[in-house]
Amino acid sequence: MAILETTTTTFESDVLKSDLPVLVDFWAPWCGPCKALTPIVTKLADELVGKVKVVKLNVDDCPEIAGKYSIMSIPTLLIFVGGAVSDQLIGLVQKDKIMDKLNKHI
């Protein structure tokens, strides 16, 4: 699987210092829509190997990062380019909508 689990200690190296655009999935194990989004995110990760890094961040385990990026509801997808947030999608979104945002950065 091409999805990386990131934490407070690895977020900077996994996301902020990545040479590739990074899709970060902010989620929690108790979140139903998050679970529904997982297969979509997994498919994207498999299809975009070498083009986009796909990372999951558990908001329960890393509340300070979720707070830093003002994550108010999950699932939230943030796209980071060059260490900065360039796009955001909130809720259970379809694969083509995510790809529309990612294609700007690939």
PDB file of N, CA and C in Angstrom:
ATOM      1  N   MET A   1       0.837  -1.182   0.000  1.00  0.00           N
ATOM      2  CA  MET A   1       0.000   0.000   0.000  1.00  0.00           C
ATOM      3  C   MET A   1       0.887   1.252   0.000  1.00  0.00           C
ATOM      4  N   ALA A   2       0.492   2.239  -0.739  1.00  0.00           N
ATOM      5  CA  ALA A   2       1.302   3.440  -0.919  1.00  0.00           C
ATOM      6  C   ALA A   2       0.931   4.559   0.054  1.00  0.00           C
ATOM      7  N   ILE A   3       0.118   4.236   1.065  1.00  0.00           N
ATOM      8  CA  ILE A   3      -0.286   5.270   2.024  1.00  0.00           C
ATOM      9  C   ILE A   3       0.618   5.208   3.250  1.00  0.00           C
ATOM     10  N   LEU A   4       1.058   6.377   3.680  1.00  0.00           N
ATOM     11  CA  LEU A   4       1.934   6.495   4.830  1.00  0.00           C
ATOM     12  C   LEU A   4       1.129   7.045   5.999  1.00  0.00           C
ATOM     13  N   GLU A   5       1.292   6.441   7.175  1.00  0.00           N
ATOM     14  CA  GLU A   5       0.677   6.999   8.394  1.00  0.00           C
ATOM     15  C   GLU A   5       1.673   7.984   8.967  1.00  0.00           C
ATOM     16  N   THR A   6       1.261   9.228   9.143  1.00  0.00           N
ATOM     17  CA  THR A   6       2.160  10.219   9.717  1.00  0.00           C
ATOM     18  C   THR A   6       1.729  10.557  11.136  1.00  0.00           C
ATOM     19  N   THR A   7       2.663  11.087  11.906  1.00  0.00           N
ATOM     20  CA  THR A   7       2.409  11.452  13.303  1.00  0.00           C
ATOM     21  C   THR A   7       2.981  12.844  13.553  1.00  0.00           C
ATOM     22  N   THR A   8       2.810  13.310  14.752  1.00  0.00           N
ATOM     23  CA  THR A   8       3.355  14.619  15.120  1.00  0.00           C
ATOM     24  C   THR A   8       4.861  14.659  14.877  1.00  0.00           C
ATOM     25  N   THR A   9       5.549  13.560  15.176  1.00  0.00           N
ATOM     26  CA  THR A   9       7.007  13.549  15.048  1.00  0.00           C
ATOM     27  C   THR A   9       7.480  13.413  13.605  1.00  0.00           C
ATOM     28  N   THR A  10       6.674  12.823  12.733  1.00  0.00           N
ATOM     29  CA  THR A  10       7.113  12.614  11.347  1.00  0.00           C
ATOM     30  C   THR A  10       6.447  13.553  10.344  1.00  0.00           C
ATOM     31  N   PHE A  11       5.488  14.372  10.803  1.00  0.00           N
ATOM     32  CA  PHE A  11       4.722  15.223   9.891  1.00  0.00           C
ATOM     33  C   PHE A  11       5.619  16.154   9.076  1.00  0.00           C
ATOM     34  N   GLU A  12       6.594  16.766   9.729  1.00  0.00           N
ATOM     35  CA  GLU A  12       7.458  17.706   9.023  1.00  0.00           C
ATOM     36  C   GLU A  12       8.214  17.018   7.885  1.00  0.00           C
ATOM     37  N   SER A  13       8.830  15.870   8.172  1.00  0.00           N
ATOM     38  CA  SER A  13       9.586  15.178   7.120  1.00  0.00           C
ATOM     39  C   SER A  13       8.669  14.521   6.090  1.00  0.00           C
ATOM     40  N   ASP A  14       7.527  13.968   6.533  1.00  0.00           N
ATOM     41  CA  ASP A  14       6.598  13.290   5.616  1.00  0.00           C
ATOM     42  C   ASP A  14       5.880  14.258   4.687  1.00  0.00           C
ATOM     43  N   VAL A  15       5.508  15.432   5.219  1.00  0.00           N
ATOM     44  CA  VAL A  15       4.628  16.341   4.493  1.00  0.00           C
ATOM     45  C   VAL A  15       5.327  17.644   4.111  1.00  0.00           C
ATOM     46  N   LEU A  16       5.802  18.369   5.106  1.00  0.00           N
ATOM     47  CA  LEU A  16       6.303  19.718   4.864  1.00  0.00           C
ATOM     48  C   LEU A  16       7.591  19.744   4.044  1.00  0.00           C
ATOM     49  N   LYS A  17       8.407  18.699   4.169  1.00  0.00           N
ATOM     50  CA  LYS A  17       9.680  18.674   3.433  1.00  0.00           C
ATOM     51  C   LYS A  17       9.648  17.752   2.214  1.00  0.00           C
ATOM     52  N   SER A  18       8.469  17.317   1.817  1.00  0.00           N
ATOM     53  CA  SER A  18       8.339  16.412   0.676  1.00  0.00           C
ATOM     54  C   SER A  18       8.641  17.131  -0.636  1.00  0.00           C
ATOM     55  N   ASP A  19       9.354  16.444  -1.523  1.00  0.00           N
ATOM     56  CA  ASP A  19       9.611  16.972  -2.868  1.00  0.00           C
ATOM     57  C   ASP A  19       8.369  16.862  -3.747  1.00  0.00           C
ATOM     58  N   LEU A  20       7.490  15.924  -3.403  1.00  0.00           N
ATOM     59  CA  LEU A  20       6.255  15.700  -4.174  1.00  0.00           C
ATOM     60  C   LEU A  20       5.092  16.443  -3.517  1.00  0.00           C
ATOM     61  N   PRO A  21       4.044  16.738  -4.292  1.00  0.00           N
ATOM     62  CA  PRO A  21       2.801  17.201  -3.654  1.00  0.00           C
ATOM     63  C   PRO A  21       2.311  16.115  -2.688  1.00  0.00           C
ATOM     64  N   VAL A  22       1.701  16.524  -1.586  1.00  0.00           N
ATOM     65  CA  VAL A  22       1.242  15.564  -0.569  1.00  0.00           C
ATOM     66  C   VAL A  22      -0.254  15.740  -0.334  1.00  0.00           C
ATOM     67  N   LEU A  23      -0.985  14.623  -0.421  1.00  0.00           N
ATOM     68  CA  LEU A  23      -2.400  14.593  -0.066  1.00  0.00           C
ATOM     69  C   LEU A  23      -2.482  14.042   1.352  1.00  0.00           C
ATOM     70  N   VAL A  24      -2.940  14.873   2.298  1.00  0.00           N
ATOM     71  CA  VAL A  24      -3.051  14.440   3.688  1.00  0.00           C
ATOM     72  C   VAL A  24      -4.520  14.207   4.012  1.00  0.00           C
ATOM     73  N   ASP A  25      -4.818  12.996   4.455  1.00  0.00           N
ATOM     74  CA  ASP A  25      -6.165  12.605   4.854  1.00  0.00           C
ATOM     75  C   ASP A  25      -6.251  12.710   6.376  1.00  0.00           C
ATOM     76  N   PHE A  26      -6.948  13.742   6.862  1.00  0.00           N
ATOM     77  CA  PHE A  26      -7.183  13.893   8.300  1.00  0.00           C
ATOM     78  C   PHE A  26      -8.413  13.057   8.645  1.00  0.00           C
ATOM     79  N   TRP A  27      -8.256  12.085   9.540  1.00  0.00           N
ATOM     80  CA  TRP A  27      -9.305  11.107   9.801  1.00  0.00           C
ATOM     81  C   TRP A  27      -9.260  10.671  11.269  1.00  0.00           C
ATOM     82  N   ALA A  28     -10.226   9.832  11.653  1.00  0.00           N
ATOM     83  CA  ALA A  28     -10.243   9.175  12.957  1.00  0.00           C
ATOM     84  C   ALA A  28     -10.930   7.818  12.787  1.00  0.00           C
ATOM     85  N   PRO A  29     -10.530   6.847  13.597  1.00  0.00           N
ATOM     86  CA  PRO A  29     -11.088   5.482  13.452  1.00  0.00           C
ATOM     87  C   PRO A  29     -12.590   5.395  13.698  1.00  0.00           C
ATOM     88  N   TRP A  30     -13.161   6.326  14.466  1.00  0.00           N
ATOM     89  CA  TRP A  30     -14.587   6.285  14.798  1.00  0.00           C
ATOM     90  C   TRP A  30     -15.454   6.996  13.762  1.00  0.00           C
ATOM     91  N   CYS A  31     -14.842   7.584  12.757  1.00  0.00           N
ATOM     92  CA  CYS A  31     -15.547   8.429  11.785  1.00  0.00           C
ATOM     93  C   CYS A  31     -16.035   7.597  10.589  1.00  0.00           C
ATOM     94  N   GLY A  32     -17.348   7.466  10.457  1.00  0.00           N
ATOM     95  CA  GLY A  32     -17.928   6.682   9.363  1.00  0.00           C
ATOM     96  C   GLY A  32     -17.549   7.183   7.976  1.00  0.00           C
ATOM     97  N   PRO A  33     -17.739   8.492   7.689  1.00  0.00           N
ATOM     98  CA  PRO A  33     -17.343   9.005   6.372  1.00  0.00           C
ATOM     99  C   PRO A  33     -15.847   8.829   6.084  1.00  0.00           C
ATOM    100  N   CYS A  34     -15.024   8.870   7.139  1.00  0.00           N
ATOM    101  CA  CYS A  34     -13.581   8.648   6.967  1.00  0.00           C
ATOM    102  C   CYS A  34     -13.333   7.226   6.445  1.00  0.00           C
ATOM    103  N   LYS A  35     -14.039   6.271   7.051  1.00  0.00           N
ATOM    104  CA  LYS A  35     -13.900   4.876   6.613  1.00  0.00           C
ATOM    105  C   LYS A  35     -14.350   4.715   5.171  1.00  0.00           C
ATOM    106  N   ALA A  36     -15.417   5.421   4.793  1.00  0.00           N
ATOM    107  CA  ALA A  36     -15.921   5.348   3.424  1.00  0.00           C
ATOM    108  C   ALA A  36     -14.951   5.981   2.432  1.00  0.00           C
ATOM    109  N   LEU A  37     -14.184   6.968   2.887  1.00  0.00           N
ATOM    110  CA  LEU A  37     -13.230   7.648   2.017  1.00  0.00           C
ATOM    111  C   LEU A  37     -11.940   6.843   1.825  1.00  0.00           C
ATOM    112  N   THR A  38     -11.624   5.972   2.774  1.00  0.00           N
ATOM    113  CA  THR A  38     -10.358   5.227   2.741  1.00  0.00           C
ATOM    114  C   THR A  38     -10.118   4.474   1.430  1.00  0.00           C
ATOM    115  N   PRO A  39     -11.096   3.723   0.883  1.00  0.00           N
ATOM    116  CA  PRO A  39     -10.823   3.021  -0.383  1.00  0.00           C
ATOM    117  C   PRO A  39     -10.510   3.974  -1.541  1.00  0.00           C
ATOM    118  N   ILE A  40     -11.131   5.151  -1.532  1.00  0.00           N
ATOM    119  CA  ILE A  40     -10.882   6.144  -2.579  1.00  0.00           C
ATOM    120  C   ILE A  40      -9.452   6.663  -2.467  1.00  0.00           C
ATOM    121  N   VAL A  41      -9.058   7.006  -1.244  1.00  0.00           N
ATOM    122  CA  VAL A  41      -7.708   7.521  -1.000  1.00  0.00           C
ATOM    123  C   VAL A  41      -6.664   6.438  -1.318  1.00  0.00           C
ATOM    124  N   THR A  42      -6.966   5.196  -0.956  1.00  0.00           N
ATOM    125  CA  THR A  42      -6.050   4.086  -1.233  1.00  0.00           C
ATOM    126  C   THR A  42      -5.860   3.911  -2.736  1.00  0.00           C
ATOM    127  N   LYS A  43      -6.948   3.982  -3.491  1.00  0.00           N
ATOM    128  CA  LYS A  43      -6.876   3.858  -4.948  1.00  0.00           C
ATOM    129  C   LYS A  43      -6.030   4.982  -5.550  1.00  0.00           C
ATOM    130  N   LEU A  44      -6.234   6.203  -5.079  1.00  0.00           N
ATOM    131  CA  LEU A  44      -5.430   7.336  -5.542  1.00  0.00           C
ATOM    132  C   LEU A  44      -3.957   7.108  -5.234  1.00  0.00           C
ATOM    133  N   ALA A  45      -3.661   6.640  -4.033  1.00  0.00           N
ATOM    134  CA  ALA A  45      -2.269   6.401  -3.631  1.00  0.00           C
ATOM    135  C   ALA A  45      -1.610   5.398  -4.571  1.00  0.00           C
ATOM    136  N   ASP A  46      -2.345   4.334  -4.909  1.00  0.00           N
ATOM    137  CA  ASP A  46      -1.809   3.306  -5.803  1.00  0.00           C
ATOM    138  C   ASP A  46      -1.598   3.838  -7.218  1.00  0.00           C
ATOM    139  N   GLU A  47      -2.510   4.673  -7.678  1.00  0.00           N
ATOM    140  CA  GLU A  47      -2.442   5.200  -9.046  1.00  0.00           C
ATOM    141  C   GLU A  47      -1.406   6.306  -9.209  1.00  0.00           C
ATOM    142  N   LEU A  48      -1.099   7.008  -8.127  1.00  0.00           N
ATOM    143  CA  LEU A  48      -0.247   8.197  -8.223  1.00  0.00           C
ATOM    144  C   LEU A  48       1.144   8.001  -7.617  1.00  0.00           C
ATOM    145  N   VAL A  49       1.563   6.745  -7.474  1.00  0.00           N
ATOM    146  CA  VAL A  49       2.903   6.459  -6.939  1.00  0.00           C
ATOM    147  C   VAL A  49       3.946   7.212  -7.754  1.00  0.00           C
ATOM    148  N   GLY A  50       4.827   7.929  -7.051  1.00  0.00           N
ATOM    149  CA  GLY A  50       5.883   8.682  -7.720  1.00  0.00           C
ATOM    150  C   GLY A  50       5.464  10.074  -8.164  1.00  0.00           C
ATOM    151  N   LYS A  51       4.160  10.363  -8.102  1.00  0.00           N
ATOM    152  CA  LYS A  51       3.658  11.686  -8.507  1.00  0.00           C
ATOM    153  C   LYS A  51       3.141  12.483  -7.323  1.00  0.00           C
ATOM    154  N   VAL A  52       2.454  11.783  -6.421  1.00  0.00           N
ATOM    155  CA  VAL A  52       1.871  12.409  -5.232  1.00  0.00           C
ATOM    156  C   VAL A  52       2.098  11.471  -4.048  1.00  0.00           C
ATOM    157  N   LYS A  53       2.486  12.046  -2.923  1.00  0.00           N
ATOM    158  CA  LYS A  53       2.610  11.253  -1.696  1.00  0.00           C
ATOM    159  C   LYS A  53       1.261  11.319  -0.987  1.00  0.00           C
ATOM    160  N   VAL A  54       0.752  10.183  -0.534  1.00  0.00           N
ATOM    161  CA  VAL A  54      -0.531  10.143   0.173  1.00  0.00           C
ATOM    162  C   VAL A  54      -0.272   9.733   1.619  1.00  0.00           C
ATOM    163  N   VAL A  55      -0.776  10.561   2.536  1.00  0.00           N
ATOM    164  CA  VAL A  55      -0.496  10.408   3.959  1.00  0.00           C
ATOM    165  C   VAL A  55      -1.796  10.481   4.741  1.00  0.00           C
ATOM    166  N   LYS A  56      -1.934   9.629   5.770  1.00  0.00           N
ATOM    167  CA  LYS A  56      -3.095   9.690   6.664  1.00  0.00           C
ATOM    168  C   LYS A  56      -2.631  10.190   8.020  1.00  0.00           C
ATOM    169  N   LEU A  57      -3.442  11.061   8.626  1.00  0.00           N
ATOM    170  CA  LEU A  57      -3.129  11.583   9.953  1.00  0.00           C
ATOM    171  C   LEU A  57      -4.344  11.407  10.846  1.00  0.00           C
ATOM    172  N   ASN A  58      -4.178  10.632  11.912  1.00  0.00           N
ATOM    173  CA  ASN A  58      -5.255  10.399  12.877  1.00  0.00           C
ATOM    174  C   ASN A  58      -5.369  11.626  13.782  1.00  0.00           C
ATOM    175  N   VAL A  59      -6.489  12.347  13.686  1.00  0.00           N
ATOM    176  CA  VAL A  59      -6.653  13.589  14.440  1.00  0.00           C
ATOM    177  C   VAL A  59      -6.722  13.351  15.951  1.00  0.00           C
ATOM    178  N   ASP A  60      -7.127  12.162  16.374  1.00  0.00           N
ATOM    179  CA  ASP A  60      -7.161  11.849  17.805  1.00  0.00           C
ATOM    180  C   ASP A  60      -5.740  11.711  18.357  1.00  0.00           C
ATOM    181  N   ASP A  61      -4.838  11.179  17.543  1.00  0.00           N
ATOM    182  CA  ASP A  61      -3.451  10.985  17.965  1.00  0.00           C
ATOM    183  C   ASP A  61      -2.604  12.244  17.804  1.00  0.00           C
ATOM    184  N   CYS A  62      -3.020  13.138  16.910  1.00  0.00           N
ATOM    185  CA  CYS A  62      -2.225  14.331  16.588  1.00  0.00           C
ATOM    186  C   CYS A  62      -3.083  15.596  16.613  1.00  0.00           C
ATOM    187  N   PRO A  63      -3.704  15.895  17.756  1.00  0.00           N
ATOM    188  CA  PRO A  63      -4.619  17.048  17.797  1.00  0.00           C
ATOM    189  C   PRO A  63      -3.932  18.383  17.524  1.00  0.00           C
ATOM    190  N   GLU A  64      -2.641  18.479  17.863  1.00  0.00           N
ATOM    191  CA  GLU A  64      -1.961  19.756  17.643  1.00  0.00           C
ATOM    192  C   GLU A  64      -1.797  20.061  16.159  1.00  0.00           C
ATOM    193  N   ILE A  65      -1.566  19.042  15.345  1.00  0.00           N
ATOM    194  CA  ILE A  65      -1.448  19.272  13.894  1.00  0.00           C
ATOM    195  C   ILE A  65      -2.819  19.597  13.311  1.00  0.00           C
ATOM    196  N   ALA A  66      -3.839  18.865  13.736  1.00  0.00           N
ATOM    197  CA  ALA A  66      -5.204  19.153  13.279  1.00  0.00           C
ATOM    198  C   ALA A  66      -5.581  20.588  13.646  1.00  0.00           C
ATOM    199  N   GLY A  67      -5.202  21.020  14.835  1.00  0.00           N
ATOM    200  CA  GLY A  67      -5.489  22.385  15.269  1.00  0.00           C
ATOM    201  C   GLY A  67      -4.726  23.422  14.465  1.00  0.00           C
ATOM    202  N   LYS A  68      -3.460  23.125  14.171  1.00  0.00           N
ATOM    203  CA  LYS A  68      -2.624  24.059  13.417  1.00  0.00           C
ATOM    204  C   LYS A  68      -3.231  24.352  12.044  1.00  0.00           C
ATOM    205  N   TYR A  69      -3.854  23.334  11.438  1.00  0.00           N
ATOM    206  CA  TYR A  69      -4.447  23.497  10.105  1.00  0.00           C
ATOM    207  C   TYR A  69      -5.956  23.706  10.159  1.00  0.00           C
ATOM    208  N   SER A  70      -6.464  24.054  11.342  1.00  0.00           N
ATOM    209  CA  SER A  70      -7.884  24.403  11.547  1.00  0.00           C
ATOM    210  C   SER A  70      -8.833  23.325  11.032  1.00  0.00           C
ATOM    211  N   ILE A  71      -8.514  22.068  11.328  1.00  0.00           N
ATOM    212  CA  ILE A  71      -9.388  20.962  10.924  1.00  0.00           C
ATOM    213  C   ILE A  71     -10.573  20.926  11.890  1.00  0.00           C
ATOM    214  N   MET A  72     -11.739  21.305  11.387  1.00  0.00           N
ATOM    215  CA  MET A  72     -12.939  21.376  12.221  1.00  0.00           C
ATOM    216  C   MET A  72     -13.850  20.162  12.038  1.00  0.00           C
ATOM    217  N   SER A  73     -13.782  19.552  10.862  1.00  0.00           N
ATOM    218  CA  SER A  73     -14.586  18.355  10.619  1.00  0.00           C
ATOM    219  C   SER A  73     -13.755  17.372   9.802  1.00  0.00           C
ATOM    220  N   ILE A  74     -14.063  16.114   9.982  1.00  0.00           N
ATOM    221  CA  ILE A  74     -13.342  15.078   9.244  1.00  0.00           C
ATOM    222  C   ILE A  74     -14.355  14.217   8.505  1.00  0.00           C
ATOM    223  N   PRO A  75     -13.969  13.602   7.404  1.00  0.00           N
ATOM    224  CA  PRO A  75     -12.632  13.694   6.810  1.00  0.00           C
ATOM    225  C   PRO A  75     -12.377  15.051   6.157  1.00  0.00           C
ATOM    226  N   THR A  76     -11.135  15.490   6.259  1.00  0.00           N
ATOM    227  CA  THR A  76     -10.649  16.646   5.522  1.00  0.00           C
ATOM    228  C   THR A  76      -9.398  16.211   4.783  1.00  0.00           C
ATOM    229  N   LEU A  77      -9.323  16.572   3.515  1.00  0.00           N
ATOM    230  CA  LEU A  77      -8.125  16.320   2.714  1.00  0.00           C
ATOM    231  C   LEU A  77      -7.443  17.660   2.464  1.00  0.00           C
ATOM    232  N   LEU A  78      -6.159  17.745   2.779  1.00  0.00           N
ATOM    233  CA  LEU A  78      -5.374  18.923   2.451  1.00  0.00           C
ATOM    234  C   LEU A  78      -4.315  18.519   1.448  1.00  0.00           C
ATOM    235  N   ILE A  79      -4.078  19.371   0.471  1.00  0.00           N
ATOM    236  CA  ILE A  79      -3.007  19.141  -0.495  1.00  0.00           C
ATOM    237  C   ILE A  79      -1.904  20.141  -0.178  1.00  0.00           C
ATOM    238  N   PHE A  80      -0.733  19.605   0.120  1.00  0.00           N
ATOM    239  CA  PHE A  80       0.435  20.428   0.416  1.00  0.00           C
ATOM    240  C   PHE A  80       1.364  20.425  -0.784  1.00  0.00           C
ATOM    241  N   VAL A  81       1.849  21.605  -1.153  1.00  0.00           N
ATOM    242  CA  VAL A  81       2.846  21.734  -2.213  1.00  0.00           C
ATOM    243  C   VAL A  81       3.939  22.638  -1.670  1.00  0.00           C
ATOM    244  N   GLY A  82       5.173  22.129  -1.664  1.00  0.00           N
ATOM    245  CA  GLY A  82       6.279  22.927  -1.145  1.00  0.00           C
ATOM    246  C   GLY A  82       6.115  23.299   0.312  1.00  0.00           C
ATOM    247  N   GLY A  83       5.471  22.445   1.093  1.00  0.00           N
ATOM    248  CA  GLY A  83       5.315  22.676   2.524  1.00  0.00           C
ATOM    249  C   GLY A  83       4.148  23.560   2.911  1.00  0.00           C
ATOM    250  N   ALA A  84       3.369  24.024   1.929  1.00  0.00           N
ATOM    251  CA  ALA A  84       2.232  24.902   2.217  1.00  0.00           C
ATOM    252  C   ALA A  84       0.932  24.278   1.709  1.00  0.00           C
ATOM    253  N   VAL A  85      -0.166  24.579   2.389  1.00  0.00           N
ATOM    254  CA  VAL A  85      -1.474  24.081   1.955  1.00  0.00           C
ATOM    255  C   VAL A  85      -1.874  24.816   0.678  1.00  0.00           C
ATOM    256  N   SER A  86      -2.205  24.046  -0.367  1.00  0.00           N
ATOM    257  CA  SER A  86      -2.614  24.685  -1.617  1.00  0.00           C
ATOM    258  C   SER A  86      -4.076  24.406  -1.953  1.00  0.00           C
ATOM    259  N   ASP A  87      -4.644  23.362  -1.353  1.00  0.00           N
ATOM    260  CA  ASP A  87      -6.047  23.030  -1.614  1.00  0.00           C
ATOM    261  C   ASP A  87      -6.621  22.254  -0.448  1.00  0.00           C
ATOM    262  N   GLN A  88      -7.964  22.255  -0.357  1.00  0.00           N
ATOM    263  CA  GLN A  88      -8.653  21.570   0.730  1.00  0.00           C
ATOM    264  C   GLN A  88      -9.965  20.994   0.219  1.00  0.00           C
ATOM    265  N   LEU A  89     -10.271  19.784   0.679  1.00  0.00           N
ATOM    266  CA  LEU A  89     -11.569  19.158   0.403  1.00  0.00           C
ATOM    267  C   LEU A  89     -12.101  18.647   1.736  1.00  0.00           C
ATOM    268  N   ILE A  90     -13.376  18.935   2.026  1.00  0.00           N
ATOM    269  CA  ILE A  90     -13.965  18.518   3.297  1.00  0.00           C
ATOM    270  C   ILE A  90     -15.119  17.567   3.034  1.00  0.00           C
ATOM    271  N   GLY A  91     -15.153  16.486   3.824  1.00  0.00           N
ATOM    272  CA  GLY A  91     -16.244  15.527   3.730  1.00  0.00           C
ATOM    273  C   GLY A  91     -15.909  14.367   2.803  1.00  0.00           C
ATOM    274  N   LEU A  92     -16.905  13.542   2.578  1.00  0.00           N
ATOM    275  CA  LEU A  92     -16.749  12.373   1.716  1.00  0.00           C
ATOM    276  C   LEU A  92     -16.861  12.835   0.269  1.00  0.00           C
ATOM    277  N   VAL A  93     -15.725  12.951  -0.394  1.00  0.00           N
ATOM    278  CA  VAL A  93     -15.701  13.457  -1.764  1.00  0.00           C
ATOM    279  C   VAL A  93     -15.339  12.337  -2.730  1.00  0.00           C
ATOM    280  N   GLN A  94     -15.781  12.475  -3.958  1.00  0.00           N
ATOM    281  CA  GLN A  94     -15.531  11.459  -4.973  1.00  0.00           C
ATOM    282  C   GLN A  94     -14.119  11.590  -5.533  1.00  0.00           C
ATOM    283  N   LYS A  95     -13.643  10.487  -6.058  1.00  0.00           N
ATOM    284  CA  LYS A  95     -12.277  10.405  -6.575  1.00  0.00           C
ATOM    285  C   LYS A  95     -12.002  11.461  -7.646  1.00  0.00           C
ATOM    286  N   ASP A  96     -12.941  11.674  -8.562  1.00  0.00           N
ATOM    287  CA  ASP A  96     -12.690  12.628  -9.650  1.00  0.00           C
ATOM    288  C   ASP A  96     -12.546  14.055  -9.128  1.00  0.00           C
ATOM    289  N   LYS A  97     -13.252  14.385  -8.046  1.00  0.00           N
ATOM    290  CA  LYS A  97     -13.137  15.716  -7.455  1.00  0.00           C
ATOM    291  C   LYS A  97     -11.740  15.898  -6.833  1.00  0.00           C
ATOM    292  N   ILE A  98     -11.247  14.852  -6.190  1.00  0.00           N
ATOM    293  CA  ILE A  98      -9.899  14.898  -5.606  1.00  0.00           C
ATOM    294  C   ILE A  98      -8.866  15.013  -6.729  1.00  0.00           C
ATOM    295  N   MET A  99      -9.052  14.246  -7.792  1.00  0.00           N
ATOM    296  CA  MET A  99      -8.115  14.289  -8.921  1.00  0.00           C
ATOM    297  C   MET A  99      -8.087  15.655  -9.575  1.00  0.00           C
ATOM    298  N   ASP A 100      -9.241  16.314  -9.687  1.00  0.00           N
ATOM    299  CA  ASP A 100      -9.287  17.675 -10.263  1.00  0.00           C
ATOM    300  C   ASP A 100      -8.347  18.606  -9.502  1.00  0.00           C
ATOM    301  N   LYS A 101      -8.357  18.490  -8.169  1.00  0.00           N
ATOM    302  CA  LYS A 101      -7.480  19.336  -7.342  1.00  0.00           C
ATOM    303  C   LYS A 101      -6.015  18.916  -7.492  1.00  0.00           C
ATOM    304  N   LEU A 102      -5.770  17.604  -7.501  1.00  0.00           N
ATOM    305  CA  LEU A 102      -4.385  17.110  -7.580  1.00  0.00           C
ATOM    306  C   LEU A 102      -3.741  17.397  -8.937  1.00  0.00           C
ATOM    307  N   ASN A 103      -4.521  17.323  -9.991  1.00  0.00           N
ATOM    308  CA  ASN A 103      -3.975  17.507 -11.342  1.00  0.00           C
ATOM    309  C   ASN A 103      -3.306  18.864 -11.532  1.00  0.00           C
ATOM    310  N   LYS A 104      -3.725  19.861 -10.751  1.00  0.00           N
ATOM    311  CA  LYS A 104      -3.107  21.188 -10.827  1.00  0.00           C
ATOM    312  C   LYS A 104      -1.642  21.162 -10.388  1.00  0.00           C
ATOM    313  N   HIS A 105      -1.287  20.127  -9.616  1.00  0.00           N
ATOM    314  CA  HIS A 105       0.043  20.098  -8.993  1.00  0.00           C
ATOM    315  C   HIS A 105       0.941  18.968  -9.494  1.00  0.00           C
ATOM    316  N   ILE A 106       0.407  18.131 -10.367  1.00  0.00           N
ATOM    317  CA  ILE A 106       1.193  16.982 -10.854  1.00  0.00           C
ATOM    318  C   ILE A 106       1.988  17.383 -12.083  1.00  0.00           C
TER     319      ILE A 106
END
